[in-house]
N, C-alpha and C. Protein backbone atom coordinates (compact mmCIF):
# COMPACT_ATOMS: atom_id res chain seq x y z
N UNK A 1 139.78 42.91 254.63
CA UNK A 1 139.48 42.59 256.01
C UNK A 1 139.83 41.13 256.26
N UNK A 2 140.42 40.87 257.40
CA UNK A 2 140.77 39.50 257.77
C UNK A 2 139.64 38.93 258.62
N UNK A 3 139.21 37.74 258.25
CA UNK A 3 138.20 37.06 259.04
C UNK A 3 138.84 35.84 259.69
N UNK A 4 138.55 35.67 260.95
CA UNK A 4 139.09 34.53 261.69
C UNK A 4 137.95 33.58 261.97
N UNK A 5 138.13 32.34 261.53
CA UNK A 5 137.05 31.37 261.68
C UNK A 5 137.11 30.61 263.00
N UNK A 6 138.25 30.63 263.63
CA UNK A 6 138.37 29.95 264.93
C UNK A 6 139.15 30.83 265.89
N UNK A 7 138.94 30.65 267.17
CA UNK A 7 139.64 31.49 268.14
C UNK A 7 141.16 31.33 268.06
N UNK A 8 141.85 32.42 268.32
CA UNK A 8 143.31 32.36 268.35
C UNK A 8 143.73 31.96 269.75
N UNK A 9 144.47 30.89 269.84
CA UNK A 9 144.96 30.44 271.14
C UNK A 9 146.39 30.91 271.33
N UNK A 10 146.84 30.89 272.55
CA UNK A 10 148.21 31.29 272.85
C UNK A 10 149.21 30.40 272.12
N UNK A 11 148.89 29.11 272.02
CA UNK A 11 149.78 28.17 271.33
C UNK A 11 149.95 28.54 269.86
N UNK A 12 148.91 29.08 269.24
CA UNK A 12 148.98 29.49 267.84
C UNK A 12 149.66 30.85 267.70
N UNK A 13 149.47 31.69 268.70
CA UNK A 13 149.99 33.05 268.64
C UNK A 13 151.49 33.14 268.89
N UNK A 14 152.00 32.34 269.81
CA UNK A 14 153.43 32.42 270.18
C UNK A 14 154.38 32.22 269.00
N UNK A 15 154.17 31.21 268.15
CA UNK A 15 155.09 31.07 267.01
C UNK A 15 155.06 32.29 266.08
N UNK A 16 153.90 32.92 265.94
CA UNK A 16 153.80 34.12 265.11
C UNK A 16 154.54 35.29 265.74
N UNK A 17 154.43 35.39 267.06
CA UNK A 17 155.12 36.47 267.78
C UNK A 17 156.63 36.31 267.64
N UNK A 18 157.11 35.08 267.74
CA UNK A 18 158.56 34.83 267.65
C UNK A 18 159.11 35.13 266.26
N UNK A 19 158.27 35.15 265.25
CA UNK A 19 158.72 35.47 263.89
C UNK A 19 158.86 36.96 263.66
N UNK A 20 158.29 37.76 264.54
CA UNK A 20 158.38 39.21 264.40
C UNK A 20 159.81 39.67 264.64
N UNK A 21 160.20 40.78 264.02
CA UNK A 21 161.51 41.36 264.35
C UNK A 21 161.56 41.70 265.84
N UNK A 22 162.74 41.67 266.41
CA UNK A 22 162.91 41.82 267.85
C UNK A 22 162.22 43.07 268.41
N UNK A 23 162.39 44.20 267.76
CA UNK A 23 161.81 45.44 268.26
C UNK A 23 160.28 45.35 268.28
N UNK A 24 159.69 44.85 267.22
CA UNK A 24 158.24 44.72 267.16
C UNK A 24 157.74 43.70 268.18
N UNK A 25 158.48 42.63 268.36
CA UNK A 25 158.11 41.60 269.34
C UNK A 25 158.12 42.18 270.75
N UNK A 26 159.16 42.95 271.07
CA UNK A 26 159.24 43.56 272.40
C UNK A 26 158.12 44.56 272.62
N UNK A 27 157.79 45.35 271.59
CA UNK A 27 156.70 46.32 271.70
C UNK A 27 155.36 45.61 271.93
N UNK A 28 155.14 44.52 271.20
CA UNK A 28 153.91 43.76 271.34
C UNK A 28 153.80 43.16 272.74
N UNK A 29 154.86 42.55 273.21
CA UNK A 29 154.84 41.94 274.54
C UNK A 29 154.64 42.99 275.63
N UNK A 30 155.26 44.17 275.47
CA UNK A 30 155.07 45.25 276.44
C UNK A 30 153.62 45.71 276.42
N UNK A 31 153.06 45.84 275.24
CA UNK A 31 151.67 46.26 275.11
C UNK A 31 150.72 45.25 275.77
N UNK A 32 150.97 43.97 275.56
CA UNK A 32 150.15 42.93 276.17
C UNK A 32 150.26 42.96 277.69
N UNK A 33 151.48 43.20 278.17
CA UNK A 33 151.70 43.27 279.62
C UNK A 33 150.95 44.46 280.22
N UNK A 34 151.03 45.62 279.54
CA UNK A 34 150.33 46.81 280.02
C UNK A 34 148.82 46.59 280.02
N UNK A 35 148.31 45.94 278.98
CA UNK A 35 146.87 45.67 278.89
C UNK A 35 146.45 44.71 280.00
N UNK A 36 147.28 43.73 280.31
CA UNK A 36 146.98 42.80 281.39
C UNK A 36 146.94 43.52 282.73
N UNK A 37 147.89 44.44 282.95
CA UNK A 37 147.91 45.23 284.18
C UNK A 37 146.63 46.05 284.29
N UNK A 38 146.23 46.66 283.18
CA UNK A 38 145.02 47.47 283.18
C UNK A 38 143.79 46.61 283.48
N UNK A 39 143.69 45.46 282.83
CA UNK A 39 142.55 44.56 283.07
C UNK A 39 142.48 44.12 284.53
N UNK A 40 143.63 43.80 285.11
CA UNK A 40 143.67 43.37 286.51
C UNK A 40 143.24 44.52 287.44
N UNK A 41 143.72 45.73 287.15
CA UNK A 41 143.37 46.89 287.97
C UNK A 41 141.87 47.19 287.87
N UNK A 42 141.32 47.07 286.67
CA UNK A 42 139.89 47.30 286.48
C UNK A 42 139.08 46.27 287.27
N UNK A 43 139.49 45.04 287.22
CA UNK A 43 138.79 43.99 287.95
C UNK A 43 138.81 44.26 289.45
N UNK A 44 139.96 44.61 289.98
CA UNK A 44 140.06 44.93 291.41
C UNK A 44 139.18 46.12 291.77
N UNK A 45 139.15 47.11 290.89
CA UNK A 45 138.32 48.30 291.13
C UNK A 45 136.84 47.93 291.11
N UNK A 46 136.43 47.15 290.12
CA UNK A 46 135.02 46.75 290.02
C UNK A 46 134.57 45.93 291.23
N UNK A 47 135.47 45.13 291.76
CA UNK A 47 135.13 44.30 292.90
C UNK A 47 135.21 45.06 294.22
N UNK A 48 135.60 46.33 294.14
CA UNK A 48 135.67 47.16 295.34
C UNK A 48 136.88 46.87 296.21
N UNK A 49 137.85 46.18 295.64
CA UNK A 49 139.06 45.84 296.41
C UNK A 49 140.03 47.01 296.52
N UNK A 50 139.99 47.92 295.54
CA UNK A 50 140.88 49.08 295.55
C UNK A 50 140.10 50.32 295.12
N UNK A 51 140.63 51.48 295.49
CA UNK A 51 140.02 52.74 295.08
C UNK A 51 140.40 53.04 293.63
N UNK A 52 139.74 54.04 293.07
CA UNK A 52 140.06 54.48 291.71
C UNK A 52 141.52 54.91 291.61
N UNK A 53 141.97 55.66 292.59
CA UNK A 53 143.35 56.14 292.60
C UNK A 53 144.34 54.98 292.65
N UNK A 54 144.08 54.02 293.54
CA UNK A 54 144.99 52.87 293.68
C UNK A 54 144.96 52.01 292.41
N UNK A 55 143.78 51.84 291.82
CA UNK A 55 143.67 51.05 290.60
C UNK A 55 144.48 51.68 289.47
N UNK A 56 144.43 53.00 289.38
CA UNK A 56 145.21 53.67 288.32
C UNK A 56 146.71 53.49 288.56
N UNK A 57 147.11 53.51 289.83
CA UNK A 57 148.53 53.25 290.16
C UNK A 57 148.92 51.84 289.75
N UNK A 58 148.06 50.87 290.06
CA UNK A 58 148.36 49.48 289.69
C UNK A 58 148.45 49.29 288.18
N UNK A 59 147.62 50.05 287.47
CA UNK A 59 147.63 49.97 286.01
C UNK A 59 148.82 50.72 285.41
N UNK A 60 149.43 51.57 286.23
CA UNK A 60 150.59 52.32 285.75
C UNK A 60 150.23 53.50 284.87
N UNK A 61 149.02 54.04 285.07
CA UNK A 61 148.58 55.18 284.27
C UNK A 61 147.99 56.26 285.18
N UNK A 62 147.82 57.45 284.65
CA UNK A 62 147.24 58.55 285.40
C UNK A 62 145.77 58.24 285.68
N UNK A 63 145.25 58.81 286.75
CA UNK A 63 143.86 58.56 287.14
C UNK A 63 142.88 58.92 286.02
N UNK A 64 143.13 60.03 285.32
CA UNK A 64 142.23 60.43 284.24
C UNK A 64 142.26 59.41 283.10
N UNK A 65 143.43 58.87 282.80
CA UNK A 65 143.53 57.83 281.77
C UNK A 65 142.77 56.58 282.20
N UNK A 66 142.85 56.27 283.49
CA UNK A 66 142.12 55.11 284.01
C UNK A 66 140.62 55.33 283.88
N UNK A 67 140.17 56.53 284.19
CA UNK A 67 138.75 56.85 284.04
C UNK A 67 138.32 56.72 282.57
N UNK A 68 139.18 57.15 281.65
CA UNK A 68 138.87 57.00 280.22
C UNK A 68 138.78 55.53 279.83
N UNK A 69 139.67 54.70 280.39
CA UNK A 69 139.63 53.27 280.10
C UNK A 69 138.34 52.65 280.62
N UNK A 70 137.90 53.08 281.80
CA UNK A 70 136.63 52.60 282.35
C UNK A 70 135.48 52.99 281.42
N UNK A 71 135.46 54.26 281.02
CA UNK A 71 134.39 54.75 280.16
C UNK A 71 134.38 54.01 278.82
N UNK A 72 135.55 53.75 278.26
CA UNK A 72 135.64 53.05 276.98
C UNK A 72 135.07 51.63 277.07
N UNK A 73 135.14 51.07 278.26
CA UNK A 73 134.60 49.71 278.47
C UNK A 73 133.17 49.73 279.00
N UNK A 74 132.62 50.93 279.12
CA UNK A 74 131.25 51.06 279.61
C UNK A 74 131.11 50.79 281.10
N UNK A 75 132.19 50.99 281.84
CA UNK A 75 132.18 50.75 283.29
C UNK A 75 131.97 52.08 284.00
N UNK A 76 130.96 52.12 284.84
CA UNK A 76 130.67 53.33 285.58
C UNK A 76 131.64 53.51 286.73
N UNK A 77 131.97 54.77 287.00
CA UNK A 77 132.86 55.10 288.11
C UNK A 77 132.06 54.99 289.41
N UNK A 78 132.67 54.40 290.42
CA UNK A 78 132.03 54.25 291.72
C UNK A 78 132.26 55.54 292.51
N UNK A 79 131.17 56.13 292.97
CA UNK A 79 131.27 57.35 293.77
C UNK A 79 130.57 57.11 295.09
N UNK A 80 131.29 57.33 296.18
CA UNK A 80 130.70 57.13 297.49
C UNK A 80 130.54 58.49 298.16
N UNK A 81 129.40 58.67 298.81
CA UNK A 81 129.14 59.90 299.56
C UNK A 81 128.66 59.52 300.95
N UNK A 82 128.81 60.46 301.87
CA UNK A 82 128.42 60.21 303.25
C UNK A 82 126.90 60.17 303.43
N UNK A 83 126.20 60.99 302.63
CA UNK A 83 124.74 61.07 302.79
C UNK A 83 124.12 61.59 301.51
N UNK A 84 122.79 61.49 301.44
CA UNK A 84 122.06 62.04 300.30
C UNK A 84 122.24 63.55 300.26
N UNK A 85 122.29 64.17 301.41
CA UNK A 85 122.48 65.63 301.49
C UNK A 85 123.84 66.03 300.92
N UNK A 86 124.88 65.28 301.26
CA UNK A 86 126.21 65.57 300.73
C UNK A 86 126.23 65.42 299.20
N UNK A 87 125.51 64.43 298.69
CA UNK A 87 125.41 64.24 297.25
C UNK A 87 124.72 65.44 296.59
N UNK A 88 123.61 65.89 297.18
CA UNK A 88 122.88 67.05 296.64
C UNK A 88 123.77 68.29 296.64
N UNK A 89 124.53 68.49 297.72
CA UNK A 89 125.42 69.64 297.80
C UNK A 89 126.50 69.58 296.72
N UNK A 90 127.03 68.40 296.50
CA UNK A 90 128.05 68.21 295.47
C UNK A 90 127.50 68.48 294.08
N UNK A 91 126.31 67.99 293.80
CA UNK A 91 125.67 68.22 292.50
C UNK A 91 125.41 69.71 292.32
N UNK A 92 124.92 70.38 293.35
CA UNK A 92 124.67 71.82 293.28
C UNK A 92 125.95 72.60 292.99
N UNK A 93 127.02 72.22 293.66
CA UNK A 93 128.30 72.88 293.45
C UNK A 93 128.77 72.71 292.01
N UNK A 94 128.67 71.51 291.49
CA UNK A 94 129.09 71.25 290.11
C UNK A 94 128.25 72.05 289.13
N UNK A 95 126.94 72.10 289.36
CA UNK A 95 126.05 72.88 288.48
C UNK A 95 126.42 74.36 288.51
N UNK A 96 126.69 74.88 289.69
CA UNK A 96 127.03 76.31 289.79
C UNK A 96 128.37 76.60 289.10
N UNK A 97 129.31 75.68 289.22
CA UNK A 97 130.60 75.86 288.54
C UNK A 97 130.42 75.85 287.03
N UNK A 98 129.57 74.96 286.52
CA UNK A 98 129.31 74.90 285.08
C UNK A 98 128.62 76.17 284.61
N UNK A 99 127.68 76.69 285.40
CA UNK A 99 126.98 77.93 285.03
C UNK A 99 127.95 79.10 284.97
N UNK A 100 128.80 79.22 285.99
CA UNK A 100 129.75 80.34 286.00
C UNK A 100 130.76 80.21 284.87
N UNK A 101 131.15 78.99 284.54
CA UNK A 101 132.09 78.78 283.43
C UNK A 101 131.41 79.15 282.12
N UNK A 102 130.15 78.79 281.94
CA UNK A 102 129.41 79.12 280.72
C UNK A 102 129.29 80.63 280.56
N UNK A 103 129.00 81.33 281.67
CA UNK A 103 128.89 82.78 281.62
C UNK A 103 130.22 83.41 281.25
N UNK A 104 131.30 82.91 281.84
CA UNK A 104 132.65 83.44 281.57
C UNK A 104 133.01 83.23 280.11
N UNK A 105 132.72 82.06 279.59
CA UNK A 105 133.04 81.78 278.19
C UNK A 105 132.20 82.65 277.26
N UNK A 106 130.94 82.92 277.64
CA UNK A 106 130.06 83.76 276.85
C UNK A 106 130.55 85.21 276.79
N UNK A 107 131.16 85.68 277.87
CA UNK A 107 131.68 87.05 277.91
C UNK A 107 132.93 87.19 277.07
N UNK A 108 133.69 86.10 276.94
CA UNK A 108 134.94 86.15 276.17
C UNK A 108 134.68 86.20 274.68
N UNK A 109 133.52 85.71 274.24
CA UNK A 109 133.21 85.66 272.81
C UNK A 109 132.90 87.01 272.23
């Protein structure tokens, strides 16, 4: 295991990156760029500046992947409803769908 006693700064990291073979360097830089895009999209989403759908577009990933990234970081998905009644109806619908799916799966076994 590698232990780092002091923070890695960009100034220390760049010379190491330039020593990598070209293909590996390009992959690393692309990965860093994608991660930066994702971080920026998550921040905009958390601040309520963009919707979940728009944030996933900005991150360049599918909405479900964006939701997974949120969950991995412990960030709750923002859900807006028109009223408490609409929320109750939605929860009831989801519960009924889960029940019917469970019954269907039970019959297939």
